[in-house]
């Protein structure tokens, strides 16, 4: 059988550059993600076996500390605004949560609501869901954004890492920063 070779028009002439977030190439962000997941490997994942569950940001997230909600940020039901617990004045925060979905239930629906001042990268199970570029857009924190994450989740262990960035430097009273995230997950009845 003769092999078919693609035409020269189908072969790109230039390397395609991936988008950057906060001035970082995607490879650097993925390196941060892998290091963070390695750090949190010792944490035992929360087992989710009920048919409907909500996982909201709070102090139980790795590296997260609850902070007061700025009046300009949208209120997020079942989630608190958090920032990096190691340095609340940091210009970025890397927070994460590990959870385990029942092996005996199918994932019917899953969404992520995200409110971040100012922008973020969200990675679920090693796959980037969101890769914002630097912005001061208020729409990221009021009204926030909702994502369908069903295809990113799997039965068993799951991890979500949020790398949030504050525009114009360090988090302060005059330059607030925070991130609130809420996962809504619906599972099927028990499978035999």
N, C-alpha and C. Protein backbone atom coordinates (compact mmCIF):
# COMPACT_ATOMS: atom_id res chain seq x y z
N UNK A 1 0.84 -1.17 0.00
CA UNK A 1 0.00 0.00 0.00
C UNK A 1 0.89 1.23 0.00
N UNK A 2 0.56 2.18 -0.83
CA UNK A 2 1.33 3.41 -0.97
C UNK A 2 0.97 4.38 0.16
N UNK A 3 2.00 4.94 0.84
CA UNK A 3 1.72 5.90 1.91
C UNK A 3 1.39 7.26 1.31
N UNK A 4 0.51 7.94 1.96
CA UNK A 4 0.09 9.26 1.50
C UNK A 4 0.86 10.30 2.30
N UNK A 5 1.50 11.19 1.60
CA UNK A 5 2.28 12.24 2.25
C UNK A 5 1.49 13.53 2.21
N UNK A 6 1.44 14.27 3.33
CA UNK A 6 0.67 15.51 3.31
C UNK A 6 1.28 16.53 2.35
N UNK A 7 0.44 17.33 1.77
CA UNK A 7 0.94 18.36 0.87
C UNK A 7 1.71 19.40 1.67
N UNK A 8 2.60 20.13 1.02
CA UNK A 8 3.41 21.12 1.72
C UNK A 8 2.54 22.23 2.30
N UNK A 9 1.36 22.44 1.75
CA UNK A 9 0.45 23.47 2.29
C UNK A 9 -0.08 23.06 3.66
N UNK A 10 -0.13 21.74 3.95
CA UNK A 10 -0.66 21.27 5.23
C UNK A 10 0.39 21.33 6.34
N UNK A 11 1.67 21.51 5.96
CA UNK A 11 2.74 21.56 6.95
C UNK A 11 2.98 23.01 7.33
N UNK A 12 2.85 23.36 8.61
CA UNK A 12 3.04 24.75 8.99
C UNK A 12 4.48 25.21 8.75
N UNK A 13 4.63 26.44 8.30
CA UNK A 13 5.95 27.00 8.01
C UNK A 13 6.62 27.54 9.27
N UNK A 14 5.84 27.98 10.26
CA UNK A 14 6.37 28.56 11.49
C UNK A 14 5.88 27.77 12.69
N UNK A 15 6.69 27.79 13.74
CA UNK A 15 6.24 27.19 14.99
C UNK A 15 5.15 28.07 15.58
N UNK A 16 4.13 27.47 16.12
CA UNK A 16 3.04 28.21 16.71
C UNK A 16 3.36 28.42 18.18
N UNK A 17 3.31 29.66 18.63
CA UNK A 17 3.57 29.98 20.04
C UNK A 17 2.29 29.87 20.84
N UNK A 18 2.39 29.20 21.96
CA UNK A 18 1.24 29.06 22.84
C UNK A 18 1.00 30.37 23.58
N UNK A 19 -0.23 30.61 24.04
CA UNK A 19 -0.52 31.84 24.76
C UNK A 19 0.24 31.88 26.08
N UNK A 20 0.43 33.09 26.60
CA UNK A 20 1.11 33.26 27.88
C UNK A 20 0.12 33.75 28.92
N UNK A 21 0.40 33.43 30.16
CA UNK A 21 -0.40 33.92 31.26
C UNK A 21 0.54 34.59 32.24
N UNK A 22 0.25 35.81 32.60
CA UNK A 22 1.08 36.59 33.52
C UNK A 22 2.51 36.66 33.03
N UNK A 23 2.70 36.65 31.71
CA UNK A 23 4.03 36.73 31.16
C UNK A 23 4.79 35.42 31.23
N UNK A 24 4.12 34.32 31.61
CA UNK A 24 4.77 33.02 31.71
C UNK A 24 4.38 32.13 30.54
N UNK A 25 5.34 31.42 29.97
CA UNK A 25 4.96 30.46 28.93
C UNK A 25 4.20 29.28 29.54
N UNK A 26 3.44 28.60 28.69
CA UNK A 26 2.63 27.49 29.15
C UNK A 26 3.49 26.40 29.79
N UNK A 27 4.70 26.18 29.30
CA UNK A 27 5.58 25.16 29.88
C UNK A 27 5.93 25.48 31.33
N UNK A 28 6.13 26.75 31.65
CA UNK A 28 6.43 27.16 33.02
C UNK A 28 5.21 26.93 33.92
N UNK A 29 4.02 27.28 33.43
CA UNK A 29 2.80 27.06 34.19
C UNK A 29 2.61 25.58 34.46
N UNK A 30 2.83 24.74 33.48
CA UNK A 30 2.66 23.30 33.67
C UNK A 30 3.71 22.75 34.64
N UNK A 31 4.90 23.33 34.63
CA UNK A 31 5.94 22.94 35.58
C UNK A 31 5.51 23.28 37.00
N UNK A 32 4.93 24.47 37.20
CA UNK A 32 4.40 24.87 38.50
C UNK A 32 3.30 23.90 38.93
N UNK A 33 2.43 23.55 37.99
CA UNK A 33 1.34 22.61 38.28
C UNK A 33 1.90 21.27 38.77
N UNK A 34 2.85 20.70 38.02
CA UNK A 34 3.40 19.39 38.39
C UNK A 34 4.07 19.43 39.77
N UNK A 35 4.80 20.50 40.05
CA UNK A 35 5.45 20.63 41.36
C UNK A 35 4.42 20.73 42.48
N UNK A 36 3.33 21.45 42.21
CA UNK A 36 2.29 21.61 43.23
C UNK A 36 1.57 20.29 43.50
N UNK A 37 1.27 19.55 42.45
CA UNK A 37 0.61 18.25 42.62
C UNK A 37 1.52 17.30 43.38
N UNK A 38 2.81 17.35 43.10
CA UNK A 38 3.76 16.50 43.82
C UNK A 38 3.76 16.85 45.31
N UNK A 39 3.70 18.14 45.63
CA UNK A 39 3.65 18.60 47.02
C UNK A 39 2.42 18.09 47.74
N UNK A 40 1.29 18.08 47.06
CA UNK A 40 0.04 17.72 47.74
C UNK A 40 -0.26 16.22 47.66
N UNK A 41 0.64 15.41 47.11
CA UNK A 41 0.41 13.97 47.01
C UNK A 41 0.16 13.33 48.36
N UNK A 42 0.72 13.90 49.42
CA UNK A 42 0.56 13.30 50.75
C UNK A 42 -0.83 13.56 51.35
N UNK A 43 -1.57 14.51 50.77
CA UNK A 43 -2.90 14.78 51.30
C UNK A 43 -3.88 13.70 50.83
N UNK A 44 -4.69 13.26 51.75
CA UNK A 44 -5.68 12.22 51.42
C UNK A 44 -6.87 12.88 50.73
N UNK A 45 -7.26 12.39 49.56
CA UNK A 45 -8.39 13.01 48.87
C UNK A 45 -9.71 12.76 49.58
N UNK A 46 -10.58 13.75 49.50
CA UNK A 46 -11.93 13.63 50.04
C UNK A 46 -12.70 12.69 49.12
N UNK A 47 -13.35 11.66 49.68
CA UNK A 47 -14.13 10.72 48.86
C UNK A 47 -15.53 11.26 48.68
N UNK A 48 -15.96 11.37 47.44
CA UNK A 48 -17.30 11.85 47.13
C UNK A 48 -18.10 10.67 46.61
N UNK A 49 -19.12 10.28 47.37
CA UNK A 49 -19.94 9.14 46.95
C UNK A 49 -21.41 9.50 46.81
N UNK A 50 -21.81 10.68 47.27
CA UNK A 50 -23.21 11.09 47.13
C UNK A 50 -23.47 11.55 45.68
N UNK A 51 -24.74 11.64 45.31
CA UNK A 51 -25.07 11.97 43.92
C UNK A 51 -24.87 13.43 43.58
N UNK A 52 -24.91 14.30 44.55
CA UNK A 52 -24.72 15.73 44.27
C UNK A 52 -23.81 16.32 45.34
N UNK A 53 -22.79 17.03 44.90
CA UNK A 53 -21.87 17.61 45.87
C UNK A 53 -21.35 18.96 45.38
N UNK A 54 -20.96 19.78 46.34
CA UNK A 54 -20.38 21.09 46.06
C UNK A 54 -19.04 21.16 46.79
N UNK A 55 -18.01 21.55 46.07
CA UNK A 55 -16.70 21.75 46.67
C UNK A 55 -16.34 23.22 46.45
N UNK A 56 -16.31 23.99 47.52
CA UNK A 56 -16.01 25.41 47.42
C UNK A 56 -14.69 25.74 48.09
N UNK A 57 -14.03 26.78 47.60
CA UNK A 57 -12.76 27.19 48.19
C UNK A 57 -12.95 27.60 49.65
N UNK A 58 -12.02 27.13 50.48
CA UNK A 58 -11.99 27.47 51.89
C UNK A 58 -10.61 27.09 52.41
N UNK A 59 -10.44 27.08 53.73
CA UNK A 59 -9.14 26.75 54.31
C UNK A 59 -8.72 25.29 54.11
N UNK A 60 -9.63 24.42 53.68
CA UNK A 60 -9.28 23.02 53.45
C UNK A 60 -8.53 22.82 52.13
N UNK A 61 -8.55 23.82 51.26
CA UNK A 61 -7.79 23.73 50.02
C UNK A 61 -6.31 23.89 50.35
N UNK A 62 -5.46 23.18 49.66
CA UNK A 62 -4.02 23.22 49.88
C UNK A 62 -3.49 24.63 49.60
N UNK A 63 -2.75 25.20 50.54
CA UNK A 63 -2.15 26.55 50.43
C UNK A 63 -3.15 27.69 50.48
N UNK A 64 -4.38 27.44 50.86
CA UNK A 64 -5.41 28.49 50.83
C UNK A 64 -5.73 29.01 52.22
N UNK A 65 -5.95 30.31 52.30
CA UNK A 65 -6.43 30.95 53.53
C UNK A 65 -7.58 31.88 53.17
N UNK A 66 -8.67 31.76 53.92
CA UNK A 66 -9.84 32.61 53.67
C UNK A 66 -9.46 34.07 53.93
N UNK A 67 -9.93 34.95 53.03
CA UNK A 67 -9.70 36.38 53.16
C UNK A 67 -11.05 37.10 53.08
N UNK A 68 -11.13 38.34 53.56
CA UNK A 68 -12.39 39.07 53.44
C UNK A 68 -12.73 39.36 51.98
N UNK A 69 -14.02 39.29 51.66
CA UNK A 69 -14.48 39.58 50.30
C UNK A 69 -14.48 41.09 50.08
N UNK A 70 -13.81 41.51 49.01
CA UNK A 70 -13.83 42.92 48.61
C UNK A 70 -15.26 43.25 48.15
N UNK A 71 -15.78 44.44 48.44
CA UNK A 71 -17.15 44.78 48.05
C UNK A 71 -17.41 44.72 46.53
N UNK A 72 -16.35 44.85 45.72
CA UNK A 72 -16.55 44.81 44.27
C UNK A 72 -16.65 43.38 43.72
N UNK A 73 -16.32 42.39 44.53
CA UNK A 73 -16.36 41.00 44.08
C UNK A 73 -17.76 40.42 44.28
N UNK A 74 -18.15 39.53 43.37
CA UNK A 74 -19.43 38.87 43.47
C UNK A 74 -19.42 37.92 44.68
N UNK A 75 -20.53 37.83 45.37
CA UNK A 75 -20.66 36.86 46.46
C UNK A 75 -20.81 35.47 45.84
N UNK A 76 -20.09 34.50 46.35
CA UNK A 76 -20.11 33.14 45.80
C UNK A 76 -20.68 32.21 46.86
N UNK A 77 -21.87 31.67 46.58
CA UNK A 77 -22.49 30.73 47.51
C UNK A 77 -21.63 29.48 47.66
N UNK A 78 -21.51 28.99 48.89
CA UNK A 78 -20.78 27.76 49.20
C UNK A 78 -19.29 27.82 48.88
N UNK A 79 -18.72 29.01 48.83
CA UNK A 79 -17.28 29.18 48.63
C UNK A 79 -16.84 30.49 49.27
N UNK A 80 -15.61 30.51 49.72
CA UNK A 80 -15.03 31.72 50.30
C UNK A 80 -13.92 32.22 49.38
N UNK A 81 -13.63 33.50 49.47
CA UNK A 81 -12.47 34.03 48.77
C UNK A 81 -11.23 33.64 49.56
N UNK A 82 -10.20 33.20 48.84
CA UNK A 82 -8.96 32.76 49.46
C UNK A 82 -7.77 33.38 48.73
N UNK A 83 -6.61 33.26 49.38
CA UNK A 83 -5.34 33.65 48.75
C UNK A 83 -4.27 32.75 49.33
N UNK A 84 -3.07 32.85 48.86
CA UNK A 84 -1.96 31.99 49.26
C UNK A 84 -1.68 32.14 50.75
N UNK A 85 -1.83 31.05 51.50
CA UNK A 85 -1.69 31.09 52.96
C UNK A 85 -0.26 31.39 53.41
N UNK A 86 0.72 31.13 52.58
CA UNK A 86 2.11 31.37 52.94
C UNK A 86 2.51 32.84 52.90
N UNK A 87 1.76 33.65 52.13
CA UNK A 87 2.07 35.07 52.01
C UNK A 87 0.84 35.78 51.45
N UNK A 88 0.04 36.35 52.32
CA UNK A 88 -1.19 37.01 51.88
C UNK A 88 -0.92 38.27 51.06
N UNK A 89 0.33 38.75 51.04
CA UNK A 89 0.68 39.92 50.23
C UNK A 89 1.28 39.53 48.88
N UNK A 90 1.33 38.25 48.60
CA UNK A 90 1.91 37.76 47.35
C UNK A 90 1.13 38.27 46.13
N UNK A 91 1.81 38.39 45.01
CA UNK A 91 1.14 38.81 43.77
C UNK A 91 0.45 37.65 43.07
N UNK A 92 0.68 36.41 43.57
CA UNK A 92 -0.03 35.26 43.00
C UNK A 92 -0.32 34.25 44.10
N UNK A 93 -1.24 33.37 43.81
CA UNK A 93 -1.62 32.31 44.75
C UNK A 93 -1.78 31.02 43.98
N UNK A 94 -1.22 29.95 44.51
CA UNK A 94 -1.38 28.62 43.92
C UNK A 94 -2.10 27.79 44.96
N UNK A 95 -3.35 27.44 44.66
CA UNK A 95 -4.17 26.65 45.59
C UNK A 95 -4.66 25.41 44.87
N UNK A 96 -5.01 24.39 45.63
CA UNK A 96 -5.46 23.16 44.98
C UNK A 96 -6.34 22.34 45.91
N UNK A 97 -7.03 21.40 45.28
CA UNK A 97 -7.89 20.48 46.02
C UNK A 97 -7.80 19.13 45.34
N UNK A 98 -7.68 18.08 46.15
CA UNK A 98 -7.71 16.71 45.66
C UNK A 98 -8.97 16.06 46.19
N UNK A 99 -9.68 15.37 45.32
CA UNK A 99 -10.89 14.66 45.74
C UNK A 99 -11.02 13.41 44.91
N UNK A 100 -11.78 12.46 45.42
CA UNK A 100 -11.95 11.19 44.74
C UNK A 100 -13.43 10.95 44.48
N UNK A 101 -13.77 10.68 43.23
CA UNK A 101 -15.16 10.39 42.86
C UNK A 101 -15.38 8.88 42.88
N UNK A 102 -16.54 8.48 43.36
CA UNK A 102 -16.89 7.07 43.48
C UNK A 102 -16.65 6.33 42.16
N UNK A 103 -16.08 5.15 42.27
CA UNK A 103 -15.86 4.30 41.09
C UNK A 103 -17.15 3.64 40.64
N UNK A 104 -18.17 3.67 41.51
CA UNK A 104 -19.44 2.99 41.21
C UNK A 104 -20.52 3.95 40.73
N UNK A 105 -20.14 5.17 40.39
CA UNK A 105 -21.10 6.16 39.88
C UNK A 105 -20.51 6.83 38.63
N UNK A 106 -21.38 7.17 37.70
CA UNK A 106 -20.96 7.92 36.51
C UNK A 106 -21.08 9.41 36.78
N UNK A 107 -20.27 10.19 36.09
CA UNK A 107 -20.32 11.65 36.22
C UNK A 107 -21.38 12.15 35.24
N UNK A 108 -22.46 12.69 35.76
CA UNK A 108 -23.55 13.18 34.91
C UNK A 108 -23.33 14.63 34.49
N UNK A 109 -22.88 15.46 35.41
CA UNK A 109 -22.66 16.88 35.12
C UNK A 109 -21.65 17.42 36.11
N UNK A 110 -20.89 18.41 35.67
CA UNK A 110 -19.93 19.06 36.56
C UNK A 110 -19.62 20.45 36.02
N UNK A 111 -19.69 21.44 36.91
CA UNK A 111 -19.37 22.81 36.52
C UNK A 111 -18.40 23.40 37.53
N UNK A 112 -17.68 24.40 37.07
CA UNK A 112 -16.80 25.19 37.93
C UNK A 112 -17.20 26.64 37.78
N UNK A 113 -17.53 27.27 38.90
CA UNK A 113 -17.74 28.71 38.91
C UNK A 113 -16.47 29.33 39.46
N UNK A 114 -15.93 30.34 38.77
CA UNK A 114 -14.67 30.96 39.16
C UNK A 114 -14.81 32.47 39.18
N UNK A 115 -14.41 33.05 40.29
CA UNK A 115 -14.31 34.50 40.42
C UNK A 115 -12.89 34.79 40.87
N UNK A 116 -12.15 35.56 40.08
CA UNK A 116 -10.75 35.83 40.40
C UNK A 116 -10.41 37.28 40.10
N UNK A 117 -9.77 37.91 41.05
CA UNK A 117 -9.24 39.26 40.89
C UNK A 117 -7.73 39.10 40.87
N UNK A 118 -7.12 39.04 39.73
CA UNK A 118 -7.55 39.53 38.44
C UNK A 118 -7.68 38.43 37.37
N UNK A 119 -6.74 37.48 37.31
CA UNK A 119 -6.81 36.46 36.26
C UNK A 119 -6.16 35.18 36.74
N UNK A 120 -6.38 34.07 36.00
CA UNK A 120 -5.95 32.77 36.52
C UNK A 120 -5.65 31.76 35.42
N UNK A 121 -4.99 30.71 35.87
CA UNK A 121 -4.82 29.47 35.11
C UNK A 121 -5.48 28.39 35.96
N UNK A 122 -6.31 27.57 35.34
CA UNK A 122 -6.96 26.47 36.05
C UNK A 122 -6.60 25.18 35.32
N UNK A 123 -6.08 24.22 36.09
CA UNK A 123 -5.67 22.94 35.52
C UNK A 123 -6.37 21.85 36.29
N UNK A 124 -7.06 20.96 35.57
CA UNK A 124 -7.76 19.85 36.20
C UNK A 124 -7.19 18.55 35.65
N UNK A 125 -6.66 17.73 36.54
CA UNK A 125 -6.06 16.45 36.16
C UNK A 125 -5.03 16.60 35.05
N UNK A 126 -4.23 17.65 35.13
CA UNK A 126 -3.15 17.87 34.17
C UNK A 126 -3.56 18.51 32.87
N UNK A 127 -4.84 18.85 32.72
CA UNK A 127 -5.33 19.45 31.48
C UNK A 127 -5.76 20.89 31.76
N UNK A 128 -5.16 21.85 31.05
CA UNK A 128 -5.57 23.25 31.27
C UNK A 128 -7.02 23.49 30.85
N UNK A 129 -7.79 24.00 31.78
CA UNK A 129 -9.17 24.39 31.51
C UNK A 129 -9.22 25.86 31.10
N UNK A 130 -8.43 26.68 31.80
CA UNK A 130 -8.44 28.12 31.58
C UNK A 130 -7.01 28.61 31.62
N UNK A 131 -6.65 29.47 30.67
CA UNK A 131 -5.30 30.02 30.58
C UNK A 131 -5.44 31.49 30.24
N UNK A 132 -5.82 32.30 31.26
CA UNK A 132 -6.02 33.73 31.04
C UNK A 132 -4.71 34.43 30.72
N UNK A 133 -4.81 35.47 29.91
CA UNK A 133 -3.70 36.39 29.74
C UNK A 133 -3.84 37.50 30.76
N UNK A 134 -2.77 38.24 31.02
CA UNK A 134 -2.86 39.33 32.00
C UNK A 134 -3.99 40.30 31.64
N UNK A 135 -4.80 40.64 32.64
CA UNK A 135 -5.92 41.54 32.42
C UNK A 135 -6.35 42.17 33.74
N UNK A 136 -6.98 43.31 33.64
CA UNK A 136 -7.60 43.93 34.81
C UNK A 136 -9.12 43.94 34.64
N UNK A 137 -9.63 43.11 33.73
CA UNK A 137 -11.07 43.05 33.45
C UNK A 137 -11.85 42.70 34.71
N UNK A 138 -12.79 43.54 35.05
CA UNK A 138 -13.61 43.28 36.24
C UNK A 138 -14.58 42.13 36.04
N UNK A 139 -14.85 41.74 34.80
CA UNK A 139 -15.79 40.65 34.56
C UNK A 139 -15.27 39.32 35.12
N UNK A 140 -13.96 39.20 35.36
CA UNK A 140 -13.42 37.97 35.93
C UNK A 140 -13.85 37.78 37.39
N UNK A 141 -14.14 38.90 38.09
CA UNK A 141 -14.57 38.76 39.48
C UNK A 141 -15.98 39.27 39.73
N UNK A 142 -16.57 39.91 38.78
CA UNK A 142 -17.96 40.32 38.91
C UNK A 142 -18.53 40.50 37.51
N UNK A 143 -19.24 39.51 37.02
CA UNK A 143 -19.99 38.46 37.69
C UNK A 143 -19.26 37.13 37.86
N UNK A 144 -18.04 36.98 37.35
CA UNK A 144 -17.36 35.68 37.41
C UNK A 144 -17.70 34.86 36.17
N UNK A 145 -17.18 33.63 36.12
CA UNK A 145 -17.38 32.77 34.94
C UNK A 145 -17.71 31.34 35.36
N UNK A 146 -18.49 30.66 34.52
CA UNK A 146 -18.85 29.27 34.77
C UNK A 146 -18.35 28.42 33.62
N UNK A 147 -17.76 27.26 33.95
CA UNK A 147 -17.20 26.34 32.96
C UNK A 147 -17.80 24.96 33.15
N UNK A 148 -18.06 24.27 32.03
CA UNK A 148 -18.47 22.87 32.07
C UNK A 148 -17.20 22.04 32.18
N UNK A 149 -17.03 21.31 33.28
CA UNK A 149 -15.79 20.56 33.50
C UNK A 149 -16.01 19.05 33.50
N UNK A 150 -17.17 18.60 33.07
CA UNK A 150 -17.48 17.17 33.10
C UNK A 150 -16.40 16.34 32.41
N UNK A 151 -15.98 16.75 31.24
CA UNK A 151 -15.00 15.95 30.48
C UNK A 151 -13.60 15.98 31.10
N UNK A 152 -13.35 16.89 32.03
CA UNK A 152 -12.05 16.98 32.69
C UNK A 152 -11.95 16.05 33.90
N UNK A 153 -13.10 15.63 34.43
CA UNK A 153 -13.11 14.79 35.63
C UNK A 153 -13.12 13.32 35.25
N UNK A 154 -12.77 12.49 36.23
CA UNK A 154 -12.75 11.04 36.02
C UNK A 154 -13.14 10.35 37.33
N UNK A 155 -13.54 9.11 37.23
CA UNK A 155 -13.80 8.33 38.43
C UNK A 155 -12.48 8.15 39.15
N UNK A 156 -12.54 8.11 40.50
CA UNK A 156 -11.31 7.98 41.27
C UNK A 156 -10.72 9.35 41.59
N UNK A 157 -9.41 9.39 41.75
CA UNK A 157 -8.70 10.59 42.20
C UNK A 157 -8.70 11.69 41.14
N UNK A 158 -8.99 12.91 41.59
CA UNK A 158 -8.98 14.10 40.73
C UNK A 158 -8.24 15.21 41.46
N UNK A 159 -7.59 16.09 40.70
CA UNK A 159 -6.99 17.26 41.32
C UNK A 159 -7.30 18.49 40.49
N UNK A 160 -7.49 19.61 41.19
CA UNK A 160 -7.68 20.90 40.55
C UNK A 160 -6.68 21.86 41.16
N UNK A 161 -5.95 22.55 40.29
CA UNK A 161 -4.98 23.55 40.73
C UNK A 161 -5.37 24.87 40.09
N UNK A 162 -5.45 25.91 40.92
CA UNK A 162 -5.74 27.26 40.43
C UNK A 162 -4.54 28.13 40.74
N UNK A 163 -3.99 28.73 39.69
CA UNK A 163 -2.89 29.68 39.84
C UNK A 163 -3.51 31.05 39.55
N UNK A 164 -3.68 31.85 40.59
CA UNK A 164 -4.33 33.15 40.46
C UNK A 164 -3.28 34.25 40.51
N UNK A 165 -3.50 35.29 39.72
CA UNK A 165 -2.57 36.40 39.62
C UNK A 165 -3.27 37.72 39.95
N UNK A 166 -2.57 38.59 40.65
CA UNK A 166 -3.06 39.93 40.92
C UNK A 166 -2.39 40.90 39.95
N UNK A 167 -3.17 41.71 39.28
CA UNK A 167 -2.59 42.71 38.38
C UNK A 167 -1.88 43.77 39.21
N UNK A 168 -0.87 44.35 38.66
CA UNK A 168 -0.14 45.47 39.28
C UNK A 168 0.57 45.10 40.58
N UNK A 169 0.98 43.84 40.72
CA UNK A 169 1.85 43.49 41.83
C UNK A 169 1.19 42.89 43.05
N UNK A 170 1.82 43.16 44.19
CA UNK A 170 1.45 42.52 45.46
C UNK A 170 0.01 42.82 45.87
N UNK A 171 -0.60 41.85 46.56
CA UNK A 171 -1.94 42.02 47.10
C UNK A 171 -1.85 42.97 48.30
N UNK A 172 -2.72 43.97 48.33
CA UNK A 172 -2.74 44.93 49.44
C UNK A 172 -4.16 45.47 49.57
N UNK A 173 -4.37 46.32 50.55
CA UNK A 173 -5.69 46.91 50.73
C UNK A 173 -6.06 47.78 49.53
N UNK A 174 -5.07 48.47 48.96
CA UNK A 174 -5.32 49.32 47.79
C UNK A 174 -5.33 48.55 46.48
N UNK A 175 -4.77 47.33 46.48
CA UNK A 175 -4.71 46.50 45.29
C UNK A 175 -5.17 45.09 45.66
N UNK A 176 -6.49 44.92 45.89
CA UNK A 176 -6.99 43.64 46.40
C UNK A 176 -6.82 42.50 45.40
N UNK A 177 -6.78 41.30 45.94
CA UNK A 177 -6.70 40.09 45.12
C UNK A 177 -7.38 38.97 45.87
N UNK A 178 -8.03 38.09 45.13
CA UNK A 178 -8.68 36.95 45.75
C UNK A 178 -9.23 36.03 44.68
N UNK A 179 -9.48 34.80 45.08
CA UNK A 179 -10.07 33.83 44.17
C UNK A 179 -11.10 33.01 44.95
N UNK A 180 -12.25 32.81 44.32
CA UNK A 180 -13.29 31.93 44.86
C UNK A 180 -13.69 30.97 43.76
N UNK A 181 -13.75 29.70 44.11
CA UNK A 181 -14.13 28.67 43.13
C UNK A 181 -15.13 27.72 43.77
N UNK A 182 -16.08 27.27 42.97
CA UNK A 182 -17.08 26.31 43.44
C UNK A 182 -17.29 25.27 42.36
N UNK A 183 -17.06 24.01 42.71
CA UNK A 183 -17.33 22.89 41.81
C UNK A 183 -18.67 22.29 42.20
N UNK A 184 -19.55 22.12 41.24
CA UNK A 184 -20.82 21.42 41.44
C UNK A 184 -20.73 20.13 40.63
N UNK A 185 -20.84 18.99 41.31
CA UNK A 185 -20.68 17.70 40.66
C UNK A 185 -21.92 16.86 40.92
N UNK A 186 -22.50 16.30 39.84
CA UNK A 186 -23.66 15.41 39.94
C UNK A 186 -23.26 14.04 39.41
N UNK A 187 -23.49 13.03 40.25
CA UNK A 187 -23.16 11.65 39.90
C UNK A 187 -24.43 10.82 39.75
N UNK A 188 -24.31 9.72 39.04
CA UNK A 188 -25.46 8.82 38.83
C UNK A 188 -25.72 7.99 40.08
N UNK A 189 -26.80 7.21 40.02
CA UNK A 189 -27.08 6.23 41.08
C UNK A 189 -25.97 5.17 41.04
N UNK A 190 -25.87 4.40 42.10
CA UNK A 190 -24.83 3.37 42.17
C UNK A 190 -24.95 2.39 41.02
N UNK A 191 -23.82 2.08 40.42
CA UNK A 191 -23.73 1.08 39.34
C UNK A 191 -23.29 -0.24 39.97
N UNK A 192 -23.84 -1.33 39.51
CA UNK A 192 -23.42 -2.62 40.10
C UNK A 192 -22.24 -3.21 39.37
